[in-house]
Amino acid sequence: MFQYHPNVLANECRDMNDIRAEIDNIDHLVIQLLATRFDYVKAASQFKKNAIDVQAKERFNSMLEQRKLWADELGLDGDIIKELYANLVKYFIDEELKRLQHKEK
């Protein structure tokens, strides 16, 4: 799967160019991982029969709480990460609902 191998560690950066290059590399990897996550979302849609299955409110809420805990454990603001994931997953749900509507036609 995806692994990040920095060209230079954060505490070894010589200047802002090193820092920006690593941040760009990390962001690119994060986006690749999100695209891979979306592949799994699309694969899951074959097992869902209706909008209630797609929205899976209980799973959505428990997933957000778990992401918040993970963020808190890593020294990030869990509420911010929870909000970020809420927006991301809402986008994925909207895309899944479009696929479901298309499948029903």
N, C-alpha and C. Protein backbone atom coordinates (compact mmCIF):
# COMPACT_ATOMS: atom_id res chain seq x y z
N MET A 1 0.86 -1.18 0.00
CA MET A 1 0.00 0.00 0.00
C MET A 1 0.89 1.22 0.00
N PHE A 2 0.34 2.34 0.33
CA PHE A 2 1.07 3.60 0.31
C PHE A 2 1.91 3.74 1.58
N GLN A 3 3.13 4.17 1.39
CA GLN A 3 3.97 4.49 2.54
C GLN A 3 4.69 5.79 2.23
N TYR A 4 4.90 6.54 3.26
CA TYR A 4 5.59 7.81 3.10
C TYR A 4 7.03 7.68 3.57
N HIS A 5 7.92 8.01 2.68
CA HIS A 5 9.35 8.01 3.00
C HIS A 5 9.86 9.42 2.74
N PRO A 6 10.03 10.20 3.78
CA PRO A 6 10.45 11.59 3.58
C PRO A 6 11.86 11.68 2.99
N ASN A 7 12.05 12.68 2.18
CA ASN A 7 13.39 12.97 1.68
C ASN A 7 14.25 13.54 2.81
N VAL A 8 13.58 14.26 3.70
CA VAL A 8 14.26 14.84 4.85
C VAL A 8 13.26 14.87 6.01
N LEU A 9 13.71 14.50 7.19
CA LEU A 9 12.84 14.53 8.36
C LEU A 9 12.51 15.97 8.75
N ALA A 10 11.38 16.16 9.41
CA ALA A 10 10.92 17.51 9.76
C ALA A 10 11.97 18.29 10.54
N ASN A 11 12.61 17.64 11.49
CA ASN A 11 13.60 18.35 12.31
C ASN A 11 14.96 18.51 11.63
N GLU A 12 15.06 17.99 10.40
CA GLU A 12 16.31 18.12 9.64
C GLU A 12 16.18 19.04 8.43
N CYS A 13 15.02 19.67 8.27
CA CYS A 13 14.81 20.57 7.13
C CYS A 13 15.79 21.74 7.21
N ARG A 14 16.35 22.07 6.07
CA ARG A 14 17.34 23.15 6.01
C ARG A 14 16.70 24.51 5.77
N ASP A 15 15.51 24.49 5.12
CA ASP A 15 14.87 25.76 4.79
C ASP A 15 13.40 25.51 4.45
N MET A 16 12.70 26.58 4.10
CA MET A 16 11.27 26.48 3.79
C MET A 16 11.03 25.65 2.53
N ASN A 17 11.97 25.61 1.62
CA ASN A 17 11.80 24.79 0.42
C ASN A 17 11.71 23.32 0.79
N ASP A 18 12.57 22.87 1.72
CA ASP A 18 12.50 21.48 2.19
C ASP A 18 11.15 21.20 2.83
N ILE A 19 10.72 22.11 3.67
CA ILE A 19 9.45 21.93 4.38
C ILE A 19 8.29 21.88 3.40
N ARG A 20 8.24 22.82 2.47
CA ARG A 20 7.13 22.87 1.50
C ARG A 20 7.13 21.64 0.61
N ALA A 21 8.30 21.18 0.21
CA ALA A 21 8.37 19.99 -0.64
C ALA A 21 7.81 18.77 0.10
N GLU A 22 8.16 18.62 1.37
CA GLU A 22 7.65 17.48 2.14
C GLU A 22 6.15 17.60 2.39
N ILE A 23 5.68 18.80 2.68
CA ILE A 23 4.24 18.99 2.86
C ILE A 23 3.50 18.66 1.58
N ASP A 24 4.02 19.09 0.44
CA ASP A 24 3.39 18.75 -0.85
C ASP A 24 3.37 17.23 -1.06
N ASN A 25 4.47 16.56 -0.74
CA ASN A 25 4.53 15.10 -0.88
C ASN A 25 3.50 14.42 0.02
N ILE A 26 3.40 14.90 1.25
CA ILE A 26 2.44 14.33 2.20
C ILE A 26 1.01 14.56 1.70
N ASP A 27 0.71 15.77 1.26
CA ASP A 27 -0.64 16.07 0.76
C ASP A 27 -0.99 15.19 -0.43
N HIS A 28 -0.02 14.96 -1.32
CA HIS A 28 -0.28 14.11 -2.48
C HIS A 28 -0.60 12.69 -2.03
N LEU A 29 0.14 12.19 -1.05
CA LEU A 29 -0.13 10.86 -0.51
C LEU A 29 -1.50 10.80 0.16
N VAL A 30 -1.84 11.82 0.93
CA VAL A 30 -3.15 11.86 1.59
C VAL A 30 -4.27 11.79 0.55
N ILE A 31 -4.12 12.54 -0.53
CA ILE A 31 -5.15 12.54 -1.58
C ILE A 31 -5.21 11.19 -2.29
N GLN A 32 -4.06 10.56 -2.50
CA GLN A 32 -4.06 9.20 -3.08
C GLN A 32 -4.81 8.24 -2.15
N LEU A 33 -4.57 8.36 -0.87
CA LEU A 33 -5.25 7.50 0.10
C LEU A 33 -6.75 7.76 0.12
N LEU A 34 -7.15 9.01 0.00
CA LEU A 34 -8.58 9.34 -0.05
C LEU A 34 -9.22 8.74 -1.29
N ALA A 35 -8.50 8.78 -2.41
CA ALA A 35 -9.02 8.16 -3.64
C ALA A 35 -9.17 6.65 -3.45
N THR A 36 -8.21 6.04 -2.78
CA THR A 36 -8.30 4.60 -2.50
C THR A 36 -9.47 4.31 -1.56
N ARG A 37 -9.66 5.17 -0.58
CA ARG A 37 -10.80 5.02 0.33
C ARG A 37 -12.11 5.08 -0.46
N PHE A 38 -12.16 6.00 -1.41
CA PHE A 38 -13.37 6.14 -2.23
C PHE A 38 -13.60 4.88 -3.07
N ASP A 39 -12.53 4.22 -3.52
CA ASP A 39 -12.69 2.96 -4.24
C ASP A 39 -13.43 1.94 -3.37
N TYR A 40 -13.11 1.91 -2.09
CA TYR A 40 -13.80 0.99 -1.18
C TYR A 40 -15.25 1.41 -0.94
N VAL A 41 -15.48 2.70 -0.89
CA VAL A 41 -16.86 3.20 -0.77
C VAL A 41 -17.67 2.73 -1.97
N LYS A 42 -17.10 2.88 -3.16
CA LYS A 42 -17.81 2.46 -4.37
C LYS A 42 -18.05 0.95 -4.36
N ALA A 43 -17.08 0.18 -3.90
CA ALA A 43 -17.24 -1.27 -3.81
C ALA A 43 -18.34 -1.63 -2.81
N ALA A 44 -18.44 -0.87 -1.73
CA ALA A 44 -19.47 -1.14 -0.71
C ALA A 44 -20.87 -0.90 -1.26
N SER A 45 -20.98 -0.03 -2.23
CA SER A 45 -22.31 0.31 -2.75
C SER A 45 -23.03 -0.90 -3.35
N GLN A 46 -22.29 -1.91 -3.78
CA GLN A 46 -22.94 -3.10 -4.34
C GLN A 46 -23.70 -3.90 -3.27
N PHE A 47 -23.38 -3.66 -2.01
CA PHE A 47 -24.03 -4.38 -0.92
C PHE A 47 -25.17 -3.57 -0.28
N LYS A 48 -25.37 -2.37 -0.77
CA LYS A 48 -26.38 -1.48 -0.19
C LYS A 48 -27.58 -1.40 -1.12
N LYS A 49 -28.76 -1.51 -0.52
CA LYS A 49 -29.97 -1.61 -1.33
C LYS A 49 -30.79 -0.32 -1.40
N ASN A 50 -30.54 0.61 -0.45
CA ASN A 50 -31.36 1.82 -0.41
C ASN A 50 -30.58 2.96 0.26
N ALA A 51 -31.21 4.13 0.29
CA ALA A 51 -30.56 5.32 0.84
C ALA A 51 -30.24 5.16 2.33
N ILE A 52 -31.07 4.44 3.06
CA ILE A 52 -30.82 4.22 4.49
C ILE A 52 -29.53 3.41 4.66
N ASP A 53 -29.34 2.40 3.82
CA ASP A 53 -28.10 1.61 3.87
C ASP A 53 -26.90 2.49 3.54
N VAL A 54 -27.05 3.35 2.55
CA VAL A 54 -25.95 4.22 2.13
C VAL A 54 -25.59 5.20 3.25
N GLN A 55 -26.58 5.80 3.85
CA GLN A 55 -26.33 6.82 4.87
C GLN A 55 -25.84 6.22 6.18
N ALA A 56 -26.28 5.04 6.52
CA ALA A 56 -25.82 4.28 7.69
C ALA A 56 -25.45 5.20 8.85
N LYS A 57 -26.45 5.90 9.35
CA LYS A 57 -26.23 6.95 10.35
C LYS A 57 -25.47 6.47 11.59
N GLU A 58 -25.79 5.28 12.08
CA GLU A 58 -25.10 4.77 13.26
C GLU A 58 -23.61 4.56 12.97
N ARG A 59 -23.31 3.94 11.83
CA ARG A 59 -21.91 3.73 11.42
C ARG A 59 -21.23 5.08 11.21
N PHE A 60 -21.90 6.01 10.56
CA PHE A 60 -21.35 7.35 10.30
C PHE A 60 -20.94 8.00 11.62
N ASN A 61 -21.84 8.00 12.60
CA ASN A 61 -21.56 8.65 13.88
C ASN A 61 -20.44 7.94 14.66
N SER A 62 -20.46 6.62 14.67
CA SER A 62 -19.41 5.91 15.40
C SER A 62 -18.05 6.07 14.71
N MET A 63 -18.03 6.10 13.38
CA MET A 63 -16.80 6.31 12.64
C MET A 63 -16.21 7.68 12.96
N LEU A 64 -17.07 8.71 13.00
CA LEU A 64 -16.59 10.05 13.33
C LEU A 64 -15.99 10.11 14.73
N GLU A 65 -16.62 9.47 15.67
CA GLU A 65 -16.10 9.46 17.05
C GLU A 65 -14.75 8.75 17.11
N GLN A 66 -14.61 7.65 16.36
CA GLN A 66 -13.33 6.93 16.35
C GLN A 66 -12.23 7.80 15.74
N ARG A 67 -12.53 8.50 14.66
CA ARG A 67 -11.53 9.39 14.03
C ARG A 67 -11.13 10.51 14.98
N LYS A 68 -12.10 11.00 15.74
CA LYS A 68 -11.82 12.05 16.73
C LYS A 68 -10.85 11.51 17.78
N LEU A 69 -11.10 10.30 18.27
CA LEU A 69 -10.22 9.70 19.26
C LEU A 69 -8.81 9.49 18.71
N TRP A 70 -8.73 8.98 17.49
CA TRP A 70 -7.41 8.77 16.88
C TRP A 70 -6.66 10.09 16.77
N ALA A 71 -7.35 11.13 16.35
CA ALA A 71 -6.71 12.45 16.21
C ALA A 71 -6.24 12.95 17.57
N ASP A 72 -7.10 12.85 18.56
CA ASP A 72 -6.73 13.29 19.91
C ASP A 72 -5.49 12.55 20.40
N GLU A 73 -5.44 11.24 20.16
CA GLU A 73 -4.30 10.43 20.59
C GLU A 73 -2.99 10.87 19.93
N LEU A 74 -3.10 11.42 18.73
CA LEU A 74 -1.91 11.85 17.99
C LEU A 74 -1.60 13.33 18.16
N GLY A 75 -2.31 13.98 19.10
CA GLY A 75 -2.03 15.37 19.40
C GLY A 75 -2.67 16.37 18.46
N LEU A 76 -3.64 15.92 17.69
CA LEU A 76 -4.39 16.82 16.81
C LEU A 76 -5.69 17.23 17.49
N ASP A 77 -6.32 18.24 16.98
CA ASP A 77 -7.62 18.67 17.50
C ASP A 77 -8.68 17.72 16.95
N GLY A 78 -9.16 16.83 17.80
CA GLY A 78 -10.12 15.82 17.38
C GLY A 78 -11.38 16.38 16.79
N ASP A 79 -11.85 17.52 17.29
CA ASP A 79 -13.07 18.12 16.75
C ASP A 79 -12.87 18.59 15.31
N ILE A 80 -11.69 19.12 15.02
CA ILE A 80 -11.40 19.57 13.65
C ILE A 80 -11.34 18.37 12.71
N ILE A 81 -10.66 17.30 13.15
CA ILE A 81 -10.55 16.10 12.32
C ILE A 81 -11.92 15.46 12.13
N LYS A 82 -12.73 15.47 13.18
CA LYS A 82 -14.09 14.93 13.08
C LYS A 82 -14.88 15.71 12.04
N GLU A 83 -14.77 17.03 12.04
CA GLU A 83 -15.47 17.86 11.06
C GLU A 83 -14.95 17.59 9.65
N LEU A 84 -13.65 17.46 9.52
CA LEU A 84 -13.05 17.17 8.22
C LEU A 84 -13.61 15.85 7.67
N TYR A 85 -13.62 14.82 8.51
CA TYR A 85 -14.15 13.52 8.09
C TYR A 85 -15.65 13.58 7.81
N ALA A 86 -16.38 14.34 8.59
CA ALA A 86 -17.81 14.47 8.34
C ALA A 86 -18.04 15.03 6.94
N ASN A 87 -17.29 16.05 6.57
CA ASN A 87 -17.44 16.63 5.23
C ASN A 87 -17.02 15.65 4.15
N LEU A 88 -15.92 14.97 4.38
CA LEU A 88 -15.43 14.00 3.41
C LEU A 88 -16.45 12.88 3.20
N VAL A 89 -16.93 12.31 4.28
CA VAL A 89 -17.84 11.18 4.17
C VAL A 89 -19.20 11.62 3.62
N LYS A 90 -19.63 12.82 3.93
CA LYS A 90 -20.87 13.33 3.32
C LYS A 90 -20.72 13.40 1.81
N TYR A 91 -19.55 13.83 1.35
CA TYR A 91 -19.29 13.85 -0.10
C TYR A 91 -19.38 12.43 -0.66
N PHE A 92 -18.74 11.46 0.00
CA PHE A 92 -18.78 10.08 -0.46
C PHE A 92 -20.21 9.54 -0.45
N ILE A 93 -20.97 9.86 0.58
CA ILE A 93 -22.36 9.42 0.66
C ILE A 93 -23.16 10.01 -0.50
N ASP A 94 -22.98 11.29 -0.77
CA ASP A 94 -23.67 11.91 -1.90
C ASP A 94 -23.35 11.19 -3.21
N GLU A 95 -22.08 10.84 -3.39
CA GLU A 95 -21.68 10.12 -4.60
C GLU A 95 -22.30 8.73 -4.64
N GLU A 96 -22.36 8.07 -3.50
CA GLU A 96 -23.00 6.75 -3.43
C GLU A 96 -24.49 6.84 -3.74
N LEU A 97 -25.13 7.88 -3.23
CA LEU A 97 -26.57 8.06 -3.50
C LEU A 97 -26.81 8.29 -4.99
N LYS A 98 -25.93 9.02 -5.64
CA LYS A 98 -26.05 9.21 -7.09
C LYS A 98 -25.95 7.87 -7.81
N ARG A 99 -25.02 7.04 -7.38
CA ARG A 99 -24.85 5.71 -8.00
C ARG A 99 -26.10 4.87 -7.77
N LEU A 100 -26.65 4.96 -6.56
CA LEU A 100 -27.86 4.19 -6.23
C LEU A 100 -29.03 4.63 -7.11
N GLN A 101 -29.20 5.94 -7.27
CA GLN A 101 -30.28 6.45 -8.11
C GLN A 101 -30.09 6.01 -9.55
N HIS A 102 -28.87 6.01 -10.01
CA HIS A 102 -28.58 5.59 -11.39
C HIS A 102 -28.87 4.10 -11.56
N LYS A 103 -28.56 3.30 -10.53
CA LYS A 103 -28.79 1.87 -10.56
C LYS A 103 -30.29 1.56 -10.58
N GLU A 104 -31.10 2.40 -9.92
CA GLU A 104 -32.54 2.18 -9.83
C GLU A 104 -33.27 2.48 -11.11
N LYS A 105 -32.64 3.26 -11.98
CA LYS A 105 -33.30 3.66 -13.24
C LYS A 105 -33.31 2.55 -14.26
